[in-house]
Amino acid sequence: PTISLQVGVFRTKIEALKAQRRITKKLNLPVEVVLEYDYYKVIVTVFYTREETYRYYPELTQLGYPNIYLIEKRK
């Protein structure tokens, strides 16, 4: 996959893991927790195109994650 969605940034690993479990359970999507500097980023990593992500924005917002950022890996 070349497209990911960053759905949250947390100060503690516990908060990030809680978000990971919640998203995985509700949306059945693979979610990674990545430590960057002193923050834990929660990233959904399963998309190949930008268009595939569109249907998940409302669902992620409804789960309490309104600050979603698209991350595109360069080839």
PDB file of N, CA and C in Angstrom:
ATOM      1  N   PRO A   1       0.822  -1.216   0.000  1.00  0.00           N
ATOM      2  CA  PRO A   1       0.000   0.000   0.000  1.00  0.00           C
ATOM      3  C   PRO A   1       0.854   1.263   0.000  1.00  0.00           C
ATOM      4  N   THR A   2       0.430   2.260  -0.729  1.00  0.00           N
ATOM      5  CA  THR A   2       1.207   3.491  -0.839  1.00  0.00           C
ATOM      6  C   THR A   2       0.538   4.679  -0.166  1.00  0.00           C
ATOM      7  N   ILE A   3      -0.690   4.510   0.293  1.00  0.00           N
ATOM      8  CA  ILE A   3      -1.429   5.589   0.945  1.00  0.00           C
ATOM      9  C   ILE A   3      -1.796   5.148   2.362  1.00  0.00           C
ATOM     10  N   SER A   4      -1.596   6.046   3.317  1.00  0.00           N
ATOM     11  CA  SER A   4      -1.976   5.789   4.707  1.00  0.00           C
ATOM     12  C   SER A   4      -2.742   6.989   5.239  1.00  0.00           C
ATOM     13  N   LEU A   5      -3.481   6.760   6.308  1.00  0.00           N
ATOM     14  CA  LEU A   5      -4.185   7.843   6.986  1.00  0.00           C
ATOM     15  C   LEU A   5      -3.683   7.934   8.417  1.00  0.00           C
ATOM     16  N   GLN A   6      -3.169   9.092   8.783  1.00  0.00           N
ATOM     17  CA  GLN A   6      -2.818   9.342  10.180  1.00  0.00           C
ATOM     18  C   GLN A   6      -4.080   9.855  10.851  1.00  0.00           C
ATOM     19  N   VAL A   7      -4.577   9.095  11.816  1.00  0.00           N
ATOM     20  CA  VAL A   7      -5.858   9.456  12.428  1.00  0.00           C
ATOM     21  C   VAL A   7      -5.721  10.075  13.808  1.00  0.00           C
ATOM     22  N   GLY A   8      -4.539   9.979  14.395  1.00  0.00           N
ATOM     23  CA  GLY A   8      -4.372  10.579  15.710  1.00  0.00           C
ATOM     24  C   GLY A   8      -2.916  10.616  16.145  1.00  0.00           C
ATOM     25  N   VAL A   9      -2.626  11.554  17.033  1.00  0.00           N
ATOM     26  CA  VAL A   9      -1.300  11.676  17.641  1.00  0.00           C
ATOM     27  C   VAL A   9      -1.519  11.776  19.143  1.00  0.00           C
ATOM     28  N   PHE A  10      -0.827  10.915  19.886  1.00  0.00           N
ATOM     29  CA  PHE A  10      -1.059  10.822  21.321  1.00  0.00           C
ATOM     30  C   PHE A  10       0.247  10.938  22.088  1.00  0.00           C
ATOM     31  N   ARG A  11       0.145  11.423  23.296  1.00  0.00           N
ATOM     32  CA  ARG A  11       1.314  11.568  24.160  1.00  0.00           C
ATOM     33  C   ARG A  11       1.699  10.244  24.822  1.00  0.00           C
ATOM     34  N   THR A  12       0.725   9.374  25.041  1.00  0.00           N
ATOM     35  CA  THR A  12       1.037   8.108  25.698  1.00  0.00           C
ATOM     36  C   THR A  12       0.720   6.928  24.785  1.00  0.00           C
ATOM     37  N   LYS A  13       1.486   5.863  24.978  1.00  0.00           N
ATOM     38  CA  LYS A  13       1.293   4.654  24.185  1.00  0.00           C
ATOM     39  C   LYS A  13      -0.060   4.021  24.487  1.00  0.00           C
ATOM     40  N   ILE A  14      -0.496   4.113  25.728  1.00  0.00           N
ATOM     41  CA  ILE A  14      -1.781   3.534  26.119  1.00  0.00           C
ATOM     42  C   ILE A  14      -2.924   4.148  25.323  1.00  0.00           C
ATOM     43  N   GLU A  15      -2.911   5.464  25.174  1.00  0.00           N
ATOM     44  CA  GLU A  15      -3.954   6.142  24.392  1.00  0.00           C
ATOM     45  C   GLU A  15      -3.909   5.706  22.926  1.00  0.00           C
ATOM     46  N   ALA A  16      -2.711   5.591  22.376  1.00  0.00           N
ATOM     47  CA  ALA A  16      -2.553   5.186  20.981  1.00  0.00           C
ATOM     48  C   ALA A  16      -3.037   3.756  20.767  1.00  0.00           C
ATOM     49  N   LEU A  17      -2.702   2.861  21.677  1.00  0.00           N
ATOM     50  CA  LEU A  17      -3.143   1.473  21.559  1.00  0.00           C
ATOM     51  C   LEU A  17      -4.661   1.349  21.704  1.00  0.00           C
ATOM     52  N   LYS A  18      -5.233   2.185  22.530  1.00  0.00           N
ATOM     53  CA  LYS A  18      -6.688   2.214  22.687  1.00  0.00           C
ATOM     54  C   LYS A  18      -7.356   2.633  21.357  1.00  0.00           C
ATOM     55  N   ALA A  19      -6.804   3.650  20.715  1.00  0.00           N
ATOM     56  CA  ALA A  19      -7.326   4.099  19.418  1.00  0.00           C
ATOM     57  C   ALA A  19      -7.140   3.004  18.373  1.00  0.00           C
ATOM     58  N   GLN A  20      -5.994   2.350  18.399  1.00  0.00           N
ATOM     59  CA  GLN A  20      -5.724   1.267  17.459  1.00  0.00           C
ATOM     60  C   GLN A  20      -6.763   0.153  17.592  1.00  0.00           C
ATOM     61  N   ARG A  21      -7.019  -0.280  18.809  1.00  0.00           N
ATOM     62  CA  ARG A  21      -8.000  -1.340  19.051  1.00  0.00           C
ATOM     63  C   ARG A  21      -9.393  -0.922  18.611  1.00  0.00           C
ATOM     64  N   ARG A  22      -9.744   0.302  18.906  1.00  0.00           N
ATOM     65  CA  ARG A  22     -11.075   0.802  18.569  1.00  0.00           C
ATOM     66  C   ARG A  22     -11.298   0.823  17.048  1.00  0.00           C
ATOM     67  N   ILE A  23     -10.323   1.336  16.319  1.00  0.00           N
ATOM     68  CA  ILE A  23     -10.442   1.410  14.858  1.00  0.00           C
ATOM     69  C   ILE A  23     -10.441   0.015  14.242  1.00  0.00           C
ATOM     70  N   THR A  24      -9.567  -0.844  14.722  1.00  0.00           N
ATOM     71  CA  THR A  24      -9.503  -2.209  14.206  1.00  0.00           C
ATOM     72  C   THR A  24     -10.809  -2.946  14.447  1.00  0.00           C
ATOM     73  N   LYS A  25     -11.359  -2.784  15.640  1.00  0.00           N
ATOM     74  CA  LYS A  25     -12.603  -3.472  15.990  1.00  0.00           C
ATOM     75  C   LYS A  25     -13.795  -2.953  15.180  1.00  0.00           C
ATOM     76  N   LYS A  26     -13.922  -1.639  15.083  1.00  0.00           N
ATOM     77  CA  LYS A  26     -15.093  -1.045  14.425  1.00  0.00           C
ATOM     78  C   LYS A  26     -15.027  -1.087  12.901  1.00  0.00           C
ATOM     79  N   LEU A  27     -13.830  -0.887  12.331  1.00  0.00           N
ATOM     80  CA  LEU A  27     -13.711  -0.755  10.878  1.00  0.00           C
ATOM     81  C   LEU A  27     -12.955  -1.906  10.222  1.00  0.00           C
ATOM     82  N   ASN A  28     -12.399  -2.791  11.029  1.00  0.00           N
ATOM     83  CA  ASN A  28     -11.663  -3.946  10.521  1.00  0.00           C
ATOM     84  C   ASN A  28     -10.542  -3.528   9.560  1.00  0.00           C
ATOM     85  N   LEU A  29      -9.779  -2.533   9.961  1.00  0.00           N
ATOM     86  CA  LEU A  29      -8.664  -2.033   9.172  1.00  0.00           C
ATOM     87  C   LEU A  29      -7.355  -2.263   9.916  1.00  0.00           C
ATOM     88  N   PRO A  30      -6.249  -2.505   9.186  1.00  0.00           N
ATOM     89  CA  PRO A  30      -4.958  -2.623   9.857  1.00  0.00           C
ATOM     90  C   PRO A  30      -4.464  -1.253  10.320  1.00  0.00           C
ATOM     91  N   VAL A  31      -4.032  -1.197  11.565  1.00  0.00           N
ATOM     92  CA  VAL A  31      -3.609   0.074  12.153  1.00  0.00           C
ATOM     93  C   VAL A  31      -2.254  -0.125  12.827  1.00  0.00           C
ATOM     94  N   GLU A  32      -1.333   0.787  12.559  1.00  0.00           N
ATOM     95  CA  GLU A  32      -0.016   0.763  13.196  1.00  0.00           C
ATOM     96  C   GLU A  32       0.104   1.919  14.175  1.00  0.00           C
ATOM     97  N   VAL A  33       0.865   1.683  15.227  1.00  0.00           N
ATOM     98  CA  VAL A  33       1.224   2.750  16.159  1.00  0.00           C
ATOM     99  C   VAL A  33       2.716   2.999  15.972  1.00  0.00           C
ATOM    100  N   VAL A  34       3.058   4.243  15.628  1.00  0.00           N
ATOM    101  CA  VAL A  34       4.435   4.594  15.318  1.00  0.00           C
ATOM    102  C   VAL A  34       4.913   5.669  16.299  1.00  0.00           C
ATOM    103  N   LEU A  35       6.048   5.414  16.928  1.00  0.00           N
ATOM    104  CA  LEU A  35       6.640   6.401  17.832  1.00  0.00           C
ATOM    105  C   LEU A  35       7.500   7.358  17.012  1.00  0.00           C
ATOM    106  N   GLU A  36       7.182   8.637  17.097  1.00  0.00           N
ATOM    107  CA  GLU A  36       7.980   9.664  16.418  1.00  0.00           C
ATOM    108  C   GLU A  36       8.229  10.788  17.411  1.00  0.00           C
ATOM    109  N   TYR A  37       9.494  10.992  17.701  1.00  0.00           N
ATOM    110  CA  TYR A  37       9.897  11.917  18.762  1.00  0.00           C
ATOM    111  C   TYR A  37       9.240  11.467  20.057  1.00  0.00           C
ATOM    112  N   ASP A  38       8.442  12.291  20.692  1.00  0.00           N
ATOM    113  CA  ASP A  38       7.810  11.892  21.951  1.00  0.00           C
ATOM    114  C   ASP A  38       6.327  11.590  21.788  1.00  0.00           C
ATOM    115  N   TYR A  39       5.885  11.355  20.565  1.00  0.00           N
ATOM    116  CA  TYR A  39       4.456  11.152  20.298  1.00  0.00           C
ATOM    117  C   TYR A  39       4.211   9.828  19.589  1.00  0.00           C
ATOM    118  N   TYR A  40       3.042   9.277  19.854  1.00  0.00           N
ATOM    119  CA  TYR A  40       2.625   8.030  19.220  1.00  0.00           C
ATOM    120  C   TYR A  40       1.579   8.360  18.163  1.00  0.00           C
ATOM    121  N   LYS A  41       1.893   8.010  16.923  1.00  0.00           N
ATOM    122  CA  LYS A  41       0.977   8.277  15.821  1.00  0.00           C
ATOM    123  C   LYS A  41       0.217   7.006  15.477  1.00  0.00           C
ATOM    124  N   VAL A  42      -1.081   7.155  15.250  1.00  0.00           N
ATOM    125  CA  VAL A  42      -1.938   6.045  14.884  1.00  0.00           C
ATOM    126  C   VAL A  42      -2.216   6.171  13.387  1.00  0.00           C
ATOM    127  N   ILE A  43      -1.808   5.135  12.641  1.00  0.00           N
ATOM    128  CA  ILE A  43      -1.846   5.204  11.184  1.00  0.00           C
ATOM    129  C   ILE A  43      -2.536   3.979  10.596  1.00  0.00           C
ATOM    130  N   VAL A  44      -3.540   4.228   9.741  1.00  0.00           N
ATOM    131  CA  VAL A  44      -4.210   3.170   8.987  1.00  0.00           C
ATOM    132  C   VAL A  44      -3.415   3.005   7.696  1.00  0.00           C
ATOM    133  N   THR A  45      -2.987   1.763   7.391  1.00  0.00           N
ATOM    134  CA  THR A  45      -1.950   1.568   6.380  1.00  0.00           C
ATOM    135  C   THR A  45      -2.356   0.757   5.158  1.00  0.00           C
ATOM    136  N   VAL A  46      -3.597   0.716   4.790  1.00  0.00           N
ATOM    137  CA  VAL A  46      -4.046  -0.307   3.851  1.00  0.00           C
ATOM    138  C   VAL A  46      -4.411   0.176   2.437  1.00  0.00           C
ATOM    139  N   PHE A  47      -4.209   1.417   2.098  1.00  0.00           N
ATOM    140  CA  PHE A  47      -4.775   1.958   0.870  1.00  0.00           C
ATOM    141  C   PHE A  47      -3.761   2.054  -0.276  1.00  0.00           C
ATOM    142  N   TYR A  48      -4.277   1.870  -1.492  1.00  0.00           N
ATOM    143  CA  TYR A  48      -3.449   1.984  -2.691  1.00  0.00           C
ATOM    144  C   TYR A  48      -3.719   3.279  -3.452  1.00  0.00           C
ATOM    145  N   THR A  49      -4.926   3.819  -3.279  1.00  0.00           N
ATOM    146  CA  THR A  49      -5.270   5.072  -3.950  1.00  0.00           C
ATOM    147  C   THR A  49      -5.923   6.023  -2.963  1.00  0.00           C
ATOM    148  N   ARG A  50      -5.850   7.290  -3.281  1.00  0.00           N
ATOM    149  CA  ARG A  50      -6.479   8.331  -2.464  1.00  0.00           C
ATOM    150  C   ARG A  50      -7.995   8.115  -2.394  1.00  0.00           C
ATOM    151  N   GLU A  51      -8.573   7.691  -3.498  1.00  0.00           N
ATOM    152  CA  GLU A  51     -10.024   7.501  -3.570  1.00  0.00           C
ATOM    153  C   GLU A  51     -10.518   6.431  -2.598  1.00  0.00           C
ATOM    154  N   GLU A  52      -9.710   5.413  -2.343  1.00  0.00           N
ATOM    155  CA  GLU A  52     -10.089   4.358  -1.398  1.00  0.00           C
ATOM    156  C   GLU A  52     -10.282   4.901   0.018  1.00  0.00           C
ATOM    157  N   THR A  53      -9.598   5.982   0.347  1.00  0.00           N
ATOM    158  CA  THR A  53      -9.656   6.520   1.708  1.00  0.00           C
ATOM    159  C   THR A  53     -10.935   7.298   1.981  1.00  0.00           C
ATOM    160  N   TYR A  54     -11.561   7.826   0.932  1.00  0.00           N
ATOM    161  CA  TYR A  54     -12.675   8.756   1.107  1.00  0.00           C
ATOM    162  C   TYR A  54     -13.813   8.199   1.951  1.00  0.00           C
ATOM    163  N   ARG A  55     -14.155   6.938   1.776  1.00  0.00           N
ATOM    164  CA  ARG A  55     -15.296   6.386   2.514  1.00  0.00           C
ATOM    165  C   ARG A  55     -15.043   6.267   4.021  1.00  0.00           C
ATOM    166  N   TYR A  56     -13.769   6.321   4.433  1.00  0.00           N
ATOM    167  CA  TYR A  56     -13.447   6.148   5.852  1.00  0.00           C
ATOM    168  C   TYR A  56     -13.392   7.446   6.641  1.00  0.00           C
ATOM    169  N   TYR A  57     -13.311   8.586   5.969  1.00  0.00           N
ATOM    170  CA  TYR A  57     -13.263   9.867   6.687  1.00  0.00           C
ATOM    171  C   TYR A  57     -14.475  10.058   7.605  1.00  0.00           C
ATOM    172  N   PRO A  58     -15.707   9.883   7.111  1.00  0.00           N
ATOM    173  CA  PRO A  58     -16.863  10.063   8.006  1.00  0.00           C
ATOM    174  C   PRO A  58     -16.880   9.057   9.157  1.00  0.00           C
ATOM    175  N   GLU A  59     -16.505   7.806   8.865  1.00  0.00           N
ATOM    176  CA  GLU A  59     -16.526   6.779   9.911  1.00  0.00           C
ATOM    177  C   GLU A  59     -15.475   7.054  10.981  1.00  0.00           C
ATOM    178  N   LEU A  60     -14.284   7.459  10.576  1.00  0.00           N
ATOM    179  CA  LEU A  60     -13.228   7.776  11.548  1.00  0.00           C
ATOM    180  C   LEU A  60     -13.594   9.009  12.370  1.00  0.00           C
ATOM    181  N   THR A  61     -14.200   9.995  11.724  1.00  0.00           N
ATOM    182  CA  THR A  61     -14.650  11.194  12.435  1.00  0.00           C
ATOM    183  C   THR A  61     -15.708  10.828  13.465  1.00  0.00           C
ATOM    184  N   GLN A  62     -16.615   9.954  13.078  1.00  0.00           N
ATOM    185  CA  GLN A  62     -17.682   9.503  13.984  1.00  0.00           C
ATOM    186  C   GLN A  62     -17.110   8.745  15.192  1.00  0.00           C
ATOM    187  N   LEU A  63     -15.984   8.069  14.993  1.00  0.00           N
ATOM    188  CA  LEU A  63     -15.330   7.356  16.091  1.00  0.00           C
ATOM    189  C   LEU A  63     -14.566   8.300  17.018  1.00  0.00           C
ATOM    190  N   GLY A  64     -14.457   9.577  16.614  1.00  0.00           N
ATOM    191  CA  GLY A  64     -13.788  10.556  17.470  1.00  0.00           C
ATOM    192  C   GLY A  64     -12.414  10.982  16.986  1.00  0.00           C
ATOM    193  N   TYR A  65     -12.127  10.734  15.700  1.00  0.00           N
ATOM    194  CA  TYR A  65     -10.828  11.101  15.142  1.00  0.00           C
ATOM    195  C   TYR A  65     -11.029  12.034  13.940  1.00  0.00           C
ATOM    196  N   PRO A  66     -11.318  13.313  14.193  1.00  0.00           N
ATOM    197  CA  PRO A  66     -11.616  14.243  13.102  1.00  0.00           C
ATOM    198  C   PRO A  66     -10.385  14.816  12.395  1.00  0.00           C
ATOM    199  N   ASN A  67      -9.220  14.728  13.008  1.00  0.00           N
ATOM    200  CA  ASN A  67      -8.006  15.310  12.418  1.00  0.00           C
ATOM    201  C   ASN A  67      -7.234  14.241  11.651  1.00  0.00           C
ATOM    202  N   ILE A  68      -7.678  13.965  10.448  1.00  0.00           N
ATOM    203  CA  ILE A  68      -7.112  12.903   9.621  1.00  0.00           C
ATOM    204  C   ILE A  68      -6.193  13.521   8.577  1.00  0.00           C
ATOM    205  N   TYR A  69      -5.001  12.943   8.451  1.00  0.00           N
ATOM    206  CA  TYR A  69      -4.034  13.400   7.460  1.00  0.00           C
ATOM    207  C   TYR A  69      -3.671  12.268   6.530  1.00  0.00           C
ATOM    208  N   LEU A  70      -3.681  12.550   5.233  1.00  0.00           N
ATOM    209  CA  LEU A  70      -3.297  11.569   4.238  1.00  0.00           C
ATOM    210  C   LEU A  70      -1.777  11.570   4.103  1.00  0.00           C
ATOM    211  N   ILE A  71      -1.200  10.385   4.113  1.00  0.00           N
ATOM    212  CA  ILE A  71       0.247  10.229   3.961  1.00  0.00           C
ATOM    213  C   ILE A  71       0.482   9.415   2.700  1.00  0.00           C
ATOM    214  N   GLU A  72       1.261   9.975   1.783  1.00  0.00           N
ATOM    215  CA  GLU A  72       1.534   9.294   0.524  1.00  0.00           C
ATOM    216  C   GLU A  72       3.008   8.902   0.476  1.00  0.00           C
ATOM    217  N   LYS A  73       3.263   7.611   0.296  1.00  0.00           N
ATOM    218  CA  LYS A  73       4.643   7.143   0.181  1.00  0.00           C
ATOM    219  C   LYS A  73       5.125   7.379  -1.240  1.00  0.00           C
ATOM    220  N   ARG A  74       6.307   7.883  -1.369  1.00  0.00           N
ATOM    221  CA  ARG A  74       6.904   8.114  -2.693  1.00  0.00           C
ATOM    222  C   ARG A  74       7.494   6.806  -3.215  1.00  0.00           C
ATOM    223  N   LYS A  75       7.329   6.574  -4.488  1.00  0.00           N
ATOM    224  CA  LYS A  75       7.874   5.348  -5.089  1.00  0.00           C
ATOM    225  C   LYS A  75       9.298   5.554  -5.540  1.00  0.00           C
TER     226      LYS A  75
END
